[in-house]
């Protein structure tokens, strides 16, 4: 697995982590000073990232963030797409694409997120 694929895998592991292991998953995926920006959030650091993830999971209980396709990457940058998928019926009411920058240690140092489809 490439550095890029590994970083993206840990990214989804953090977004899908149960609350009792979320902080550990965030620390494994993101640098301490990582920044995350999308149309609904602008946070930094492990606490800010964990809070944003908790808020999204509270808004969409029973859903998981699933990658679609393979990340496209070069240098320290990767971009990828995702769907927010219901465990109950497989529907995907939200979708997006993210661009990440990866630090030398393989963790993500920044995320620029875009929402391509929203519910309602």
N, C-alpha and C. Protein backbone atom coordinates (compact mmCIF):
# COMPACT_ATOMS: atom_id res chain seq x y z
N UNK A 1 0.86 -1.18 0.00
CA UNK A 1 0.00 0.00 0.00
C UNK A 1 0.90 1.24 0.00
N UNK A 2 0.55 2.23 -0.80
CA UNK A 2 1.35 3.45 -0.87
C UNK A 2 1.09 4.33 0.35
N UNK A 3 1.96 5.28 0.55
CA UNK A 3 1.78 6.25 1.64
C UNK A 3 0.43 6.95 1.50
N UNK A 4 0.07 7.28 0.27
CA UNK A 4 -1.20 7.98 0.02
C UNK A 4 -2.39 7.10 0.40
N UNK A 5 -2.37 5.85 -0.09
CA UNK A 5 -3.48 4.94 0.21
C UNK A 5 -3.58 4.66 1.70
N UNK A 6 -2.44 4.53 2.36
CA UNK A 6 -2.43 4.29 3.80
C UNK A 6 -3.04 5.49 4.54
N UNK A 7 -2.67 6.69 4.14
CA UNK A 7 -3.21 7.89 4.79
C UNK A 7 -4.72 7.98 4.59
N UNK A 8 -5.20 7.66 3.39
CA UNK A 8 -6.63 7.72 3.11
C UNK A 8 -7.37 6.63 3.88
N UNK A 9 -6.78 5.46 4.00
CA UNK A 9 -7.38 4.38 4.79
C UNK A 9 -7.54 4.80 6.24
N UNK A 10 -6.51 5.42 6.81
CA UNK A 10 -6.60 5.88 8.21
C UNK A 10 -7.59 7.04 8.35
N UNK A 11 -7.72 7.86 7.31
CA UNK A 11 -8.71 8.94 7.30
C UNK A 11 -10.12 8.36 7.47
N UNK A 12 -10.45 7.35 6.66
CA UNK A 12 -11.78 6.75 6.76
C UNK A 12 -11.94 5.99 8.08
N UNK A 13 -10.88 5.40 8.58
CA UNK A 13 -10.96 4.72 9.88
C UNK A 13 -11.33 5.73 10.97
N UNK A 14 -10.76 6.93 10.90
CA UNK A 14 -11.10 7.97 11.89
C UNK A 14 -12.56 8.40 11.74
N UNK A 15 -12.99 8.65 10.51
CA UNK A 15 -14.37 9.11 10.29
C UNK A 15 -15.41 8.06 10.66
N UNK A 16 -15.01 6.80 10.67
CA UNK A 16 -15.94 5.72 10.99
C UNK A 16 -15.71 5.11 12.37
N UNK A 17 -14.80 5.66 13.14
CA UNK A 17 -14.45 5.09 14.44
C UNK A 17 -15.60 5.28 15.44
N UNK A 18 -15.79 4.25 16.25
CA UNK A 18 -16.74 4.36 17.37
C UNK A 18 -16.19 5.39 18.36
N UNK A 19 -17.07 6.00 19.13
CA UNK A 19 -16.68 7.09 20.01
C UNK A 19 -15.57 6.72 20.98
N UNK A 20 -15.57 5.48 21.48
CA UNK A 20 -14.58 5.09 22.48
C UNK A 20 -13.16 4.98 21.92
N UNK A 21 -13.01 4.89 20.60
CA UNK A 21 -11.68 4.82 19.99
C UNK A 21 -11.42 5.98 19.01
N UNK A 22 -12.34 6.93 18.98
CA UNK A 22 -12.21 8.03 18.02
C UNK A 22 -10.93 8.84 18.24
N UNK A 23 -10.63 9.20 19.47
CA UNK A 23 -9.45 10.03 19.71
C UNK A 23 -8.18 9.33 19.23
N UNK A 24 -8.08 8.04 19.47
CA UNK A 24 -6.92 7.27 19.02
C UNK A 24 -6.86 7.21 17.49
N UNK A 25 -8.01 7.03 16.84
CA UNK A 25 -8.06 6.98 15.38
C UNK A 25 -7.69 8.32 14.77
N UNK A 26 -8.14 9.40 15.38
CA UNK A 26 -7.79 10.75 14.90
C UNK A 26 -6.28 10.96 15.02
N UNK A 27 -5.70 10.57 16.15
CA UNK A 27 -4.25 10.73 16.35
C UNK A 27 -3.46 9.90 15.34
N UNK A 28 -3.97 8.74 14.96
CA UNK A 28 -3.28 7.89 13.99
C UNK A 28 -3.38 8.46 12.57
N UNK A 29 -4.45 9.17 12.28
CA UNK A 29 -4.68 9.66 10.92
C UNK A 29 -4.15 11.07 10.66
N UNK A 30 -4.14 11.91 11.70
CA UNK A 30 -3.85 13.34 11.51
C UNK A 30 -2.70 13.81 12.40
N UNK A 31 -1.92 14.77 11.89
CA UNK A 31 -0.90 15.40 12.72
C UNK A 31 -1.58 16.22 13.81
N UNK A 32 -0.83 16.55 14.85
CA UNK A 32 -1.38 17.30 15.97
C UNK A 32 -1.94 18.66 15.56
N UNK A 33 -1.33 19.26 14.53
CA UNK A 33 -1.74 20.60 14.09
C UNK A 33 -2.54 20.56 12.78
N UNK A 34 -3.08 19.41 12.44
CA UNK A 34 -3.83 19.27 11.19
C UNK A 34 -5.00 20.24 11.14
N UNK A 35 -5.31 20.69 9.92
CA UNK A 35 -6.46 21.55 9.70
C UNK A 35 -7.43 20.84 8.77
N UNK A 36 -8.73 21.07 9.02
CA UNK A 36 -9.80 20.47 8.22
C UNK A 36 -10.77 21.57 7.87
N UNK A 37 -11.01 21.75 6.57
CA UNK A 37 -11.94 22.79 6.12
C UNK A 37 -12.87 22.20 5.06
N UNK A 38 -14.17 22.36 5.27
CA UNK A 38 -15.17 22.05 4.26
C UNK A 38 -16.27 23.10 4.39
N UNK A 39 -17.33 23.05 3.58
CA UNK A 39 -18.35 24.08 3.66
C UNK A 39 -19.05 24.18 5.02
N UNK A 40 -18.99 23.12 5.84
CA UNK A 40 -19.69 23.10 7.12
C UNK A 40 -18.77 23.16 8.33
N UNK A 41 -17.46 23.06 8.13
CA UNK A 41 -16.54 23.00 9.27
C UNK A 41 -15.21 23.64 8.91
N UNK A 42 -14.58 24.22 9.91
CA UNK A 42 -13.23 24.77 9.79
C UNK A 42 -12.58 24.57 11.15
N UNK A 43 -11.86 23.46 11.31
CA UNK A 43 -11.31 23.08 12.61
C UNK A 43 -9.83 22.76 12.48
N UNK A 44 -9.16 22.70 13.63
CA UNK A 44 -7.76 22.31 13.63
C UNK A 44 -7.45 21.51 14.89
N UNK A 45 -6.39 20.74 14.82
CA UNK A 45 -5.95 19.95 15.95
C UNK A 45 -6.82 18.72 16.17
N UNK A 46 -6.29 17.81 16.98
CA UNK A 46 -7.02 16.57 17.24
C UNK A 46 -8.38 16.80 17.88
N UNK A 47 -8.46 17.72 18.84
CA UNK A 47 -9.76 17.98 19.49
C UNK A 47 -10.78 18.52 18.50
N UNK A 48 -10.37 19.46 17.67
CA UNK A 48 -11.29 20.04 16.68
C UNK A 48 -11.75 19.01 15.67
N UNK A 49 -10.82 18.17 15.21
CA UNK A 49 -11.18 17.12 14.25
C UNK A 49 -12.13 16.12 14.88
N UNK A 50 -11.84 15.68 16.10
CA UNK A 50 -12.72 14.71 16.77
C UNK A 50 -14.11 15.30 16.97
N UNK A 51 -14.19 16.57 17.32
CA UNK A 51 -15.49 17.22 17.52
C UNK A 51 -16.27 17.28 16.20
N UNK A 52 -15.60 17.59 15.10
CA UNK A 52 -16.27 17.65 13.80
C UNK A 52 -16.78 16.27 13.39
N UNK A 53 -15.97 15.26 13.63
CA UNK A 53 -16.37 13.89 13.29
C UNK A 53 -17.55 13.46 14.15
N UNK A 54 -17.49 13.74 15.45
CA UNK A 54 -18.60 13.39 16.34
C UNK A 54 -19.89 14.08 15.90
N UNK A 55 -19.80 15.34 15.53
CA UNK A 55 -20.98 16.09 15.10
C UNK A 55 -21.59 15.47 13.84
N UNK A 56 -20.75 15.09 12.88
CA UNK A 56 -21.26 14.47 11.65
C UNK A 56 -21.91 13.12 11.95
N UNK A 57 -21.29 12.35 12.82
CA UNK A 57 -21.83 11.03 13.15
C UNK A 57 -23.12 11.13 13.96
N UNK A 58 -23.24 12.17 14.79
CA UNK A 58 -24.49 12.39 15.52
C UNK A 58 -25.61 12.81 14.57
N UNK A 59 -25.26 13.57 13.55
CA UNK A 59 -26.25 14.01 12.57
C UNK A 59 -26.71 12.85 11.69
N UNK A 60 -25.82 11.87 11.47
CA UNK A 60 -26.13 10.74 10.60
C UNK A 60 -25.83 9.41 11.30
N UNK A 61 -26.61 9.09 12.34
CA UNK A 61 -26.36 7.80 13.02
C UNK A 61 -26.68 6.64 12.08
N UNK A 62 -25.88 5.59 12.18
CA UNK A 62 -26.11 4.42 11.33
C UNK A 62 -25.55 4.56 9.94
N UNK A 63 -24.75 5.59 9.70
CA UNK A 63 -24.13 5.82 8.40
C UNK A 63 -22.62 5.69 8.53
N UNK A 64 -21.97 5.36 7.44
CA UNK A 64 -20.50 5.33 7.43
C UNK A 64 -20.00 6.05 6.18
N UNK A 65 -18.81 6.56 6.29
CA UNK A 65 -18.15 7.21 5.17
C UNK A 65 -17.36 6.15 4.41
N UNK A 66 -17.68 5.99 3.13
CA UNK A 66 -17.07 4.93 2.32
C UNK A 66 -16.38 5.54 1.11
N UNK A 67 -15.13 5.12 0.87
CA UNK A 67 -14.43 5.64 -0.32
C UNK A 67 -15.08 5.13 -1.60
N UNK A 68 -15.04 5.95 -2.62
CA UNK A 68 -15.49 5.53 -3.95
C UNK A 68 -14.30 5.68 -4.88
N UNK A 69 -13.93 4.63 -5.51
CA UNK A 69 -12.78 4.68 -6.41
C UNK A 69 -11.45 4.62 -5.67
N UNK A 70 -10.41 4.95 -6.39
CA UNK A 70 -9.04 4.90 -5.88
C UNK A 70 -8.52 6.33 -5.75
N UNK A 71 -7.78 6.62 -4.68
CA UNK A 71 -7.22 7.97 -4.55
C UNK A 71 -6.29 8.30 -5.72
N UNK A 72 -6.32 9.53 -6.13
CA UNK A 72 -5.40 10.07 -7.13
C UNK A 72 -4.36 10.85 -6.34
N UNK A 73 -3.08 10.62 -6.59
CA UNK A 73 -2.07 11.22 -5.73
C UNK A 73 -0.78 11.53 -6.46
N UNK A 74 -0.08 12.52 -5.93
CA UNK A 74 1.29 12.83 -6.34
C UNK A 74 1.94 13.62 -5.21
N UNK A 75 3.23 13.57 -5.15
CA UNK A 75 4.01 14.25 -4.11
C UNK A 75 3.39 13.98 -2.74
N UNK A 76 3.02 15.03 -2.03
CA UNK A 76 2.42 14.85 -0.71
C UNK A 76 0.91 15.13 -0.72
N UNK A 77 0.29 15.03 -1.89
CA UNK A 77 -1.12 15.38 -2.05
C UNK A 77 -1.91 14.17 -2.58
N UNK A 78 -3.11 14.00 -2.03
CA UNK A 78 -4.03 12.97 -2.54
C UNK A 78 -5.43 13.55 -2.60
N UNK A 79 -6.18 13.12 -3.58
CA UNK A 79 -7.60 13.49 -3.66
C UNK A 79 -8.40 12.21 -3.83
N UNK A 80 -9.60 12.22 -3.27
CA UNK A 80 -10.43 11.03 -3.29
C UNK A 80 -11.88 11.43 -3.09
N UNK A 81 -12.78 10.51 -3.42
CA UNK A 81 -14.21 10.76 -3.27
C UNK A 81 -14.79 9.76 -2.28
N UNK A 82 -15.95 10.11 -1.76
CA UNK A 82 -16.61 9.27 -0.76
C UNK A 82 -18.12 9.42 -0.85
N UNK A 83 -18.79 8.43 -0.31
CA UNK A 83 -20.24 8.45 -0.12
C UNK A 83 -20.52 8.26 1.37
N UNK A 84 -21.60 8.85 1.85
CA UNK A 84 -22.10 8.60 3.20
C UNK A 84 -23.20 7.57 3.05
N UNK A 85 -22.94 6.35 3.55
CA UNK A 85 -23.79 5.19 3.24
C UNK A 85 -24.55 4.72 4.48
N UNK A 86 -25.85 4.48 4.30
CA UNK A 86 -26.71 3.96 5.36
C UNK A 86 -26.50 2.47 5.53
N UNK A 87 -26.27 2.04 6.78
CA UNK A 87 -26.17 0.60 7.06
C UNK A 87 -27.52 -0.07 6.91
N UNK A 88 -28.60 0.68 7.09
CA UNK A 88 -29.95 0.10 7.04
C UNK A 88 -30.38 -0.28 5.63
N UNK A 89 -30.14 0.62 4.66
CA UNK A 89 -30.66 0.35 3.32
C UNK A 89 -29.66 0.59 2.19
N UNK A 90 -28.44 0.96 2.52
CA UNK A 90 -27.42 1.16 1.49
C UNK A 90 -27.53 2.47 0.73
N UNK A 91 -28.51 3.29 1.09
CA UNK A 91 -28.64 4.57 0.40
C UNK A 91 -27.44 5.46 0.75
N UNK A 92 -27.16 6.41 -0.13
CA UNK A 92 -26.04 7.33 0.07
C UNK A 92 -26.52 8.76 -0.18
N UNK A 93 -27.10 9.39 0.84
CA UNK A 93 -27.69 10.71 0.65
C UNK A 93 -26.67 11.84 0.51
N UNK A 94 -25.42 11.58 0.87
CA UNK A 94 -24.40 12.62 0.77
C UNK A 94 -23.15 12.03 0.13
N UNK A 95 -22.42 12.88 -0.57
CA UNK A 95 -21.17 12.47 -1.21
C UNK A 95 -20.25 13.67 -1.24
N UNK A 96 -18.97 13.39 -1.32
CA UNK A 96 -18.02 14.49 -1.37
C UNK A 96 -16.70 14.07 -1.96
N UNK A 97 -15.82 15.05 -2.03
CA UNK A 97 -14.45 14.80 -2.46
C UNK A 97 -13.53 15.62 -1.57
N UNK A 98 -12.40 15.04 -1.26
CA UNK A 98 -11.45 15.69 -0.35
C UNK A 98 -10.06 15.68 -0.98
N UNK A 99 -9.31 16.71 -0.65
CA UNK A 99 -7.91 16.81 -1.03
C UNK A 99 -7.12 16.90 0.26
N UNK A 100 -6.14 16.02 0.43
CA UNK A 100 -5.33 16.01 1.65
C UNK A 100 -3.87 16.23 1.33
N UNK A 101 -3.18 16.83 2.29
CA UNK A 101 -1.72 16.94 2.25
C UNK A 101 -1.19 16.04 3.34
N UNK A 102 -0.15 15.31 3.02
CA UNK A 102 0.38 14.30 3.91
C UNK A 102 1.74 14.75 4.43
N UNK A 103 1.92 14.63 5.73
CA UNK A 103 3.18 14.99 6.38
C UNK A 103 4.23 13.90 6.16
N UNK A 104 5.46 14.19 6.51
CA UNK A 104 6.56 13.24 6.33
C UNK A 104 6.33 11.94 7.09
N UNK A 105 5.58 12.00 8.20
CA UNK A 105 5.33 10.78 8.99
C UNK A 105 4.15 9.96 8.45
N UNK A 106 3.55 10.40 7.34
CA UNK A 106 2.46 9.66 6.72
C UNK A 106 1.07 10.05 7.19
N UNK A 107 1.00 10.91 8.21
CA UNK A 107 -0.31 11.37 8.67
C UNK A 107 -0.75 12.59 7.87
N UNK A 108 -2.03 12.85 7.88
CA UNK A 108 -2.60 13.97 7.14
C UNK A 108 -2.39 15.26 7.92
N UNK A 109 -1.93 16.30 7.22
CA UNK A 109 -1.72 17.59 7.87
C UNK A 109 -2.76 18.63 7.47
N UNK A 110 -3.45 18.39 6.35
CA UNK A 110 -4.55 19.29 5.99
C UNK A 110 -5.55 18.57 5.09
N UNK A 111 -6.81 19.00 5.23
CA UNK A 111 -7.91 18.48 4.41
C UNK A 111 -8.70 19.65 3.88
N UNK A 112 -8.93 19.65 2.58
CA UNK A 112 -9.86 20.58 1.95
C UNK A 112 -11.00 19.72 1.41
N UNK A 113 -12.17 19.85 2.03
CA UNK A 113 -13.29 19.01 1.68
C UNK A 113 -14.34 19.74 0.87
N UNK A 114 -14.99 19.01 -0.02
CA UNK A 114 -16.06 19.54 -0.86
C UNK A 114 -17.25 18.60 -0.78
N UNK A 115 -18.43 19.19 -0.64
CA UNK A 115 -19.66 18.40 -0.57
C UNK A 115 -20.29 18.41 -1.95
N UNK A 116 -20.34 17.24 -2.56
CA UNK A 116 -20.85 17.10 -3.92
C UNK A 116 -22.34 16.81 -3.98
N UNK A 117 -22.85 16.20 -2.91
CA UNK A 117 -24.28 15.89 -2.82
C UNK A 117 -24.68 15.92 -1.35
N UNK A 118 -25.78 16.60 -1.07
CA UNK A 118 -26.31 16.69 0.29
C UNK A 118 -27.74 16.18 0.34
N UNK A 119 -28.17 15.66 1.47
CA UNK A 119 -29.56 15.22 1.57
C UNK A 119 -30.53 16.40 1.53
N UNK A 120 -31.68 16.15 0.95
CA UNK A 120 -32.74 17.17 0.93
C UNK A 120 -32.39 18.31 0.05
